[in-house]
N, C-alpha and C. Protein backbone atom coordinates (compact mmCIF):
# COMPACT_ATOMS: atom_id res chain seq x y z
N LYS A 1 108.19 172.11 346.25
CA LYS A 1 107.48 172.30 347.20
C LYS A 1 107.98 172.73 348.93
N VAL A 2 107.14 173.31 349.49
CA VAL A 2 107.73 173.46 350.94
C VAL A 2 107.85 172.39 351.56
N LEU A 3 108.72 172.23 352.60
CA LEU A 3 108.81 170.87 353.08
C LEU A 3 108.35 169.70 352.38
N PRO A 4 109.30 169.24 351.34
CA PRO A 4 108.85 168.21 350.35
C PRO A 4 108.83 166.71 351.39
N ASP A 5 109.65 166.73 352.32
CA ASP A 5 109.90 165.36 352.72
C ASP A 5 108.65 165.23 354.15
N GLY A 6 108.17 166.37 354.25
CA GLY A 6 107.36 166.59 355.46
C GLY A 6 105.73 165.88 355.10
N ALA A 7 105.03 165.71 356.12
CA ALA A 7 103.74 165.35 355.88
C ALA A 7 102.75 166.13 355.30
N ALA A 8 101.88 165.64 354.73
CA ALA A 8 101.22 166.60 353.65
C ALA A 8 100.54 167.71 354.43
N GLY A 9 99.86 167.56 355.70
CA GLY A 9 99.33 168.58 356.52
C GLY A 9 100.27 169.42 356.85
N ASN A 10 101.60 169.25 357.10
CA ASN A 10 102.60 170.15 357.65
C ASN A 10 103.17 171.05 356.26
N ARG A 11 103.03 170.16 355.22
CA ARG A 11 103.55 171.20 354.01
C ARG A 11 102.32 172.16 353.65
N GLU A 12 101.41 171.82 353.84
CA GLU A 12 100.27 172.78 353.58
C GLU A 12 100.13 173.82 354.64
N ALA A 13 100.17 173.43 355.73
CA ALA A 13 99.97 174.42 356.87
C ALA A 13 101.57 175.38 356.93
N ALA A 14 102.50 175.05 356.35
CA ALA A 14 103.53 175.78 356.17
C ALA A 14 103.68 176.86 355.33
N ARG A 15 103.14 176.54 354.13
CA ARG A 15 102.65 177.41 352.93
C ARG A 15 101.68 178.11 353.07
N ALA A 16 100.61 178.13 354.09
CA ALA A 16 99.65 178.79 354.35
C ALA A 16 100.04 179.76 355.36
N ALA A 17 100.62 179.46 356.14
CA ALA A 17 101.48 180.38 357.22
C ALA A 17 102.43 181.34 356.35
N LEU A 18 103.16 181.06 355.61
CA LEU A 18 103.87 181.93 354.64
C LEU A 18 103.34 182.71 353.82
N ASP A 19 102.27 182.22 353.28
CA ASP A 19 101.25 183.01 352.25
C ASP A 19 100.46 184.19 353.32
N ALA A 20 100.11 183.62 354.51
CA ALA A 20 99.41 184.39 355.36
C ALA A 20 100.39 185.81 355.91
N ALA A 21 101.80 185.37 356.08
CA ALA A 21 102.63 186.60 356.49
C ALA A 21 103.12 187.29 355.17
N GLY A 22 102.40 187.39 354.15
CA GLY A 22 103.04 187.84 352.93
C GLY A 22 104.44 187.46 352.42
N VAL A 23 105.15 186.24 352.74
CA VAL A 23 105.91 185.85 352.19
C VAL A 23 105.99 185.51 350.84
N GLU A 24 107.03 185.78 349.86
CA GLU A 24 106.70 185.32 348.45
C GLU A 24 107.90 184.25 348.47
N VAL A 25 107.06 182.89 348.10
CA VAL A 25 108.22 181.55 347.94
C VAL A 25 108.51 181.47 347.03
N LEU A 26 110.10 181.36 346.29
CA LEU A 26 110.45 181.16 345.00
C LEU A 26 110.96 179.59 344.97
N LEU A 27 110.68 178.77 344.59
CA LEU A 27 111.28 177.49 344.75
C LEU A 27 111.95 177.00 343.14
N GLY A 28 112.67 175.92 343.26
CA GLY A 28 113.38 175.41 342.09
C GLY A 28 114.43 176.42 341.50
N ARG A 29 115.23 177.15 342.37
CA ARG A 29 116.03 178.18 341.88
C ARG A 29 117.41 177.81 342.53
N SER A 30 118.47 178.27 341.89
CA SER A 30 119.76 178.29 342.56
C SER A 30 120.21 179.72 342.87
N VAL A 31 120.61 180.11 344.21
CA VAL A 31 120.92 181.20 344.74
C VAL A 31 122.18 181.78 344.83
N ASP A 32 122.34 183.11 344.48
CA ASP A 32 123.88 183.56 344.33
C ASP A 32 123.59 184.93 345.35
N LEU A 33 123.91 185.13 346.65
CA LEU A 33 123.66 186.38 347.11
C LEU A 33 124.78 187.41 346.59
N GLU A 34 124.22 188.67 346.17
CA GLU A 34 125.10 189.70 346.25
C GLU A 34 124.89 190.77 347.05
N GLY A 35 124.75 190.41 348.10
CA GLY A 35 124.59 191.21 349.35
C GLY A 35 123.68 191.17 350.17
N PRO A 36 123.33 191.48 351.68
CA PRO A 36 122.42 191.28 352.28
C PRO A 36 121.19 191.32 351.93
N THR A 37 120.65 192.09 350.98
CA THR A 37 119.36 192.19 350.42
C THR A 37 118.99 191.91 349.11
N ILE A 38 120.03 191.38 348.43
CA ILE A 38 120.02 191.41 346.90
C ILE A 38 120.44 189.74 346.52
N ALA A 39 119.67 189.24 345.62
CA ALA A 39 120.01 187.77 345.24
C ALA A 39 119.79 187.72 343.86
N SER A 40 120.86 187.10 343.32
CA SER A 40 120.57 186.51 341.98
C SER A 40 120.14 185.11 341.76
N LEU A 41 118.87 184.72 341.38
CA LEU A 41 118.45 183.42 341.06
C LEU A 41 118.36 183.05 339.71
N ARG A 42 118.74 181.59 339.70
CA ARG A 42 118.48 181.14 338.43
C ARG A 42 117.59 179.71 338.41
N ARG A 43 116.78 179.53 337.46
CA ARG A 43 115.83 178.60 337.71
C ARG A 43 116.66 177.35 337.30
N VAL A 44 116.50 176.42 338.23
CA VAL A 44 117.20 174.70 337.87
C VAL A 44 116.11 173.96 337.68
N ALA A 45 114.83 174.17 337.88
CA ALA A 45 113.84 173.40 337.55
C ALA A 45 112.48 174.22 337.14
N MET A 46 111.60 173.42 336.52
CA MET A 46 110.31 173.95 336.44
C MET A 46 109.33 174.05 337.56
N ASP A 47 108.75 174.99 338.13
CA ASP A 47 108.02 174.74 339.05
C ASP A 47 106.47 175.38 338.81
N ALA A 48 105.75 175.77 339.59
CA ALA A 48 104.44 176.43 339.85
C ALA A 48 104.42 177.60 338.92
N ASP A 49 105.57 178.17 339.18
CA ASP A 49 105.75 179.58 338.41
C ASP A 49 106.26 179.37 337.09
N ALA A 50 105.47 180.21 336.17
CA ALA A 50 105.99 180.24 334.85
C ALA A 50 107.34 180.64 334.67
N GLY A 51 108.08 180.22 333.60
CA GLY A 51 109.18 180.34 333.45
C GLY A 51 110.24 179.39 332.78
N THR A 52 111.20 179.54 332.28
CA THR A 52 112.25 178.69 331.74
C THR A 52 113.50 178.35 332.62
N ALA A 53 113.75 176.78 332.55
CA ALA A 53 114.88 176.69 333.04
C ALA A 53 116.00 177.05 332.82
N GLY A 54 116.92 177.88 333.72
CA GLY A 54 118.27 178.56 333.29
C GLY A 54 117.89 180.34 333.35
N GLU A 55 116.71 180.46 333.37
CA GLU A 55 116.41 182.10 333.40
C GLU A 55 116.79 182.39 334.55
N ALA A 56 117.42 183.79 334.60
CA ALA A 56 117.99 184.32 335.56
C ALA A 56 116.86 185.58 336.01
N GLU A 57 117.09 185.89 337.27
CA GLU A 57 116.22 187.13 337.91
C GLU A 57 116.95 187.58 338.93
N THR A 58 116.81 189.26 339.48
CA THR A 58 117.18 189.49 340.49
C THR A 58 116.35 190.06 341.52
N VAL A 59 116.63 189.64 342.70
CA VAL A 59 115.55 189.79 343.72
C VAL A 59 115.98 190.81 344.70
N GLU A 60 115.64 191.69 345.12
CA GLU A 60 115.88 192.83 346.14
C GLU A 60 114.74 192.63 347.10
N ALA A 61 115.24 192.73 348.52
CA ALA A 61 113.94 192.64 349.54
C ALA A 61 114.87 193.12 350.79
N ASP A 62 114.01 193.30 351.68
CA ASP A 62 114.26 193.59 353.10
C ASP A 62 114.78 192.90 353.69
N LEU A 63 114.60 191.33 353.57
CA LEU A 63 115.19 190.20 354.06
C LEU A 63 115.11 189.16 353.05
N ILE A 64 116.32 188.38 352.96
CA ILE A 64 116.19 187.20 352.07
C ILE A 64 116.68 186.03 353.10
N VAL A 65 115.87 185.03 352.98
CA VAL A 65 116.08 183.75 353.83
C VAL A 65 116.24 182.54 352.75
N TRP A 66 117.31 181.98 352.71
CA TRP A 66 117.76 181.17 351.30
C TRP A 66 117.76 179.39 352.46
N CYS A 67 116.68 178.69 352.08
CA CYS A 67 116.80 177.36 352.75
C CYS A 67 116.73 176.34 351.49
N ALA A 68 117.66 175.43 351.83
CA ALA A 68 117.66 174.23 351.22
C ALA A 68 117.40 172.91 351.83
N GLY A 69 116.65 172.16 351.32
CA GLY A 69 116.45 170.67 352.05
C GLY A 69 116.22 170.37 353.35
N SER A 70 115.71 169.22 353.50
CA SER A 70 115.51 169.03 355.08
C SER A 70 116.10 167.66 355.63
N LYS A 71 117.34 167.51 354.98
CA LYS A 71 118.20 166.26 354.99
C LYS A 71 119.14 166.76 356.51
N PRO A 72 119.11 165.95 357.29
CA PRO A 72 119.88 166.33 358.48
C PRO A 72 121.48 166.22 358.03
N SER A 73 122.36 166.55 358.67
CA SER A 73 123.73 166.66 358.55
C SER A 73 124.27 165.22 359.08
N THR A 74 125.17 164.53 358.45
CA THR A 74 125.66 163.53 358.83
C THR A 74 126.65 163.60 359.99
N ARG A 75 127.10 164.84 360.30
CA ARG A 75 128.19 165.29 361.49
C ARG A 75 127.72 165.10 362.85
N ALA A 76 126.12 164.73 362.86
CA ALA A 76 125.34 164.64 364.29
C ALA A 76 125.87 163.16 364.57
N THR A 77 125.91 162.19 363.56
CA THR A 77 126.16 161.10 364.20
C THR A 77 127.67 160.84 365.01
N GLY A 78 128.58 161.72 364.73
CA GLY A 78 129.99 161.35 365.15
C GLY A 78 130.20 162.44 366.54
N LEU A 79 129.00 162.80 367.07
CA LEU A 79 129.07 163.69 368.14
C LEU A 79 128.63 162.96 369.60
N GLY A 80 128.10 161.71 369.48
CA GLY A 80 127.38 160.72 370.24
C GLY A 80 126.37 161.26 370.91
N LEU A 81 125.43 162.04 370.28
CA LEU A 81 124.19 162.41 371.00
C LEU A 81 123.09 161.32 370.14
N ALA A 82 122.10 161.67 370.89
CA ALA A 82 120.95 160.82 370.64
C ALA A 82 120.21 161.71 369.08
N THR A 83 120.09 160.20 368.15
CA THR A 83 119.59 160.52 367.02
C THR A 83 118.30 160.15 366.75
N THR A 84 117.29 160.56 365.77
CA THR A 84 116.22 159.91 365.40
C THR A 84 116.48 158.73 364.45
N SER A 85 115.39 158.07 363.80
CA SER A 85 115.73 157.28 362.72
C SER A 85 115.98 157.62 361.51
N GLU A 86 115.82 159.18 361.53
CA GLU A 86 115.91 159.71 360.45
C GLU A 86 117.63 160.59 360.23
N GLY A 87 118.19 160.51 361.33
CA GLY A 87 119.61 160.88 361.49
C GLY A 87 119.34 162.33 362.09
N ARG A 88 118.38 162.80 362.48
CA ARG A 88 118.13 164.28 363.34
C ARG A 88 118.61 163.91 364.77
N ILE A 89 119.08 165.19 365.04
CA ILE A 89 119.52 165.10 366.63
C ILE A 89 118.33 164.69 367.39
N ALA A 90 118.11 164.37 368.19
CA ALA A 90 117.00 163.84 368.95
C ALA A 90 116.70 164.87 370.20
N THR A 91 115.28 165.70 370.08
CA THR A 91 115.40 166.77 371.30
C THR A 91 113.84 166.48 371.98
N ASN A 92 114.00 167.35 373.17
CA ASN A 92 112.64 167.08 373.55
C ASN A 92 111.70 168.30 373.14
N THR A 93 110.57 168.75 373.90
CA THR A 93 109.83 169.64 373.48
C THR A 93 110.69 171.22 373.67
N MET A 94 111.40 171.33 374.77
CA MET A 94 112.39 172.21 375.06
C MET A 94 113.39 172.31 374.35
N LEU A 95 113.61 171.48 373.20
CA LEU A 95 114.77 171.44 372.29
C LEU A 95 116.28 171.10 372.86
N GLN A 96 115.93 170.44 374.03
CA GLN A 96 117.07 169.93 374.91
C GLN A 96 117.86 168.59 374.09
N VAL A 97 118.65 168.24 373.87
CA VAL A 97 119.01 166.88 373.39
C VAL A 97 118.87 165.73 374.32
N ARG A 98 118.09 164.94 373.73
CA ARG A 98 117.71 163.88 374.77
C ARG A 98 118.82 162.95 375.30
N GLY A 99 118.86 162.70 376.53
CA GLY A 99 119.95 162.32 377.43
C GLY A 99 120.93 162.97 377.66
N THR A 100 120.98 164.53 377.20
CA THR A 100 121.99 165.30 377.57
C THR A 100 121.35 166.72 377.73
N PRO A 101 120.76 166.93 379.09
CA PRO A 101 119.95 168.06 379.39
C PRO A 101 120.58 169.20 379.26
N ASP A 102 121.97 169.51 379.29
CA ASP A 102 122.70 170.82 379.08
C ASP A 102 122.95 171.22 377.72
N VAL A 103 122.64 170.43 376.66
CA VAL A 103 122.62 170.80 375.53
C VAL A 103 121.52 171.04 374.69
N TYR A 104 121.53 172.09 374.05
CA TYR A 104 120.50 172.63 373.20
C TYR A 104 120.82 172.38 371.67
């Protein structure tokens, strides 16, 4: 799923926006970049696409964006910055760290 930890409405909106922009979303794969525009993908789990776990494919594109998870880094807790209950750095609508207006 896109944004698996997000609210259902956010997941649906994100997927609709990606689809509308013509972005091909490939889920459940490990990624080995072979260059800035070539990636080797290996299925690690079954997903909505047909295929078998372990099956490899090569993808060539103008731009490859690889994203993994939405869990915050634990490094933020040691920085003394305000964090949310989920452990993310707390920011305002301008992405300034709360309580530290010179940090974005």
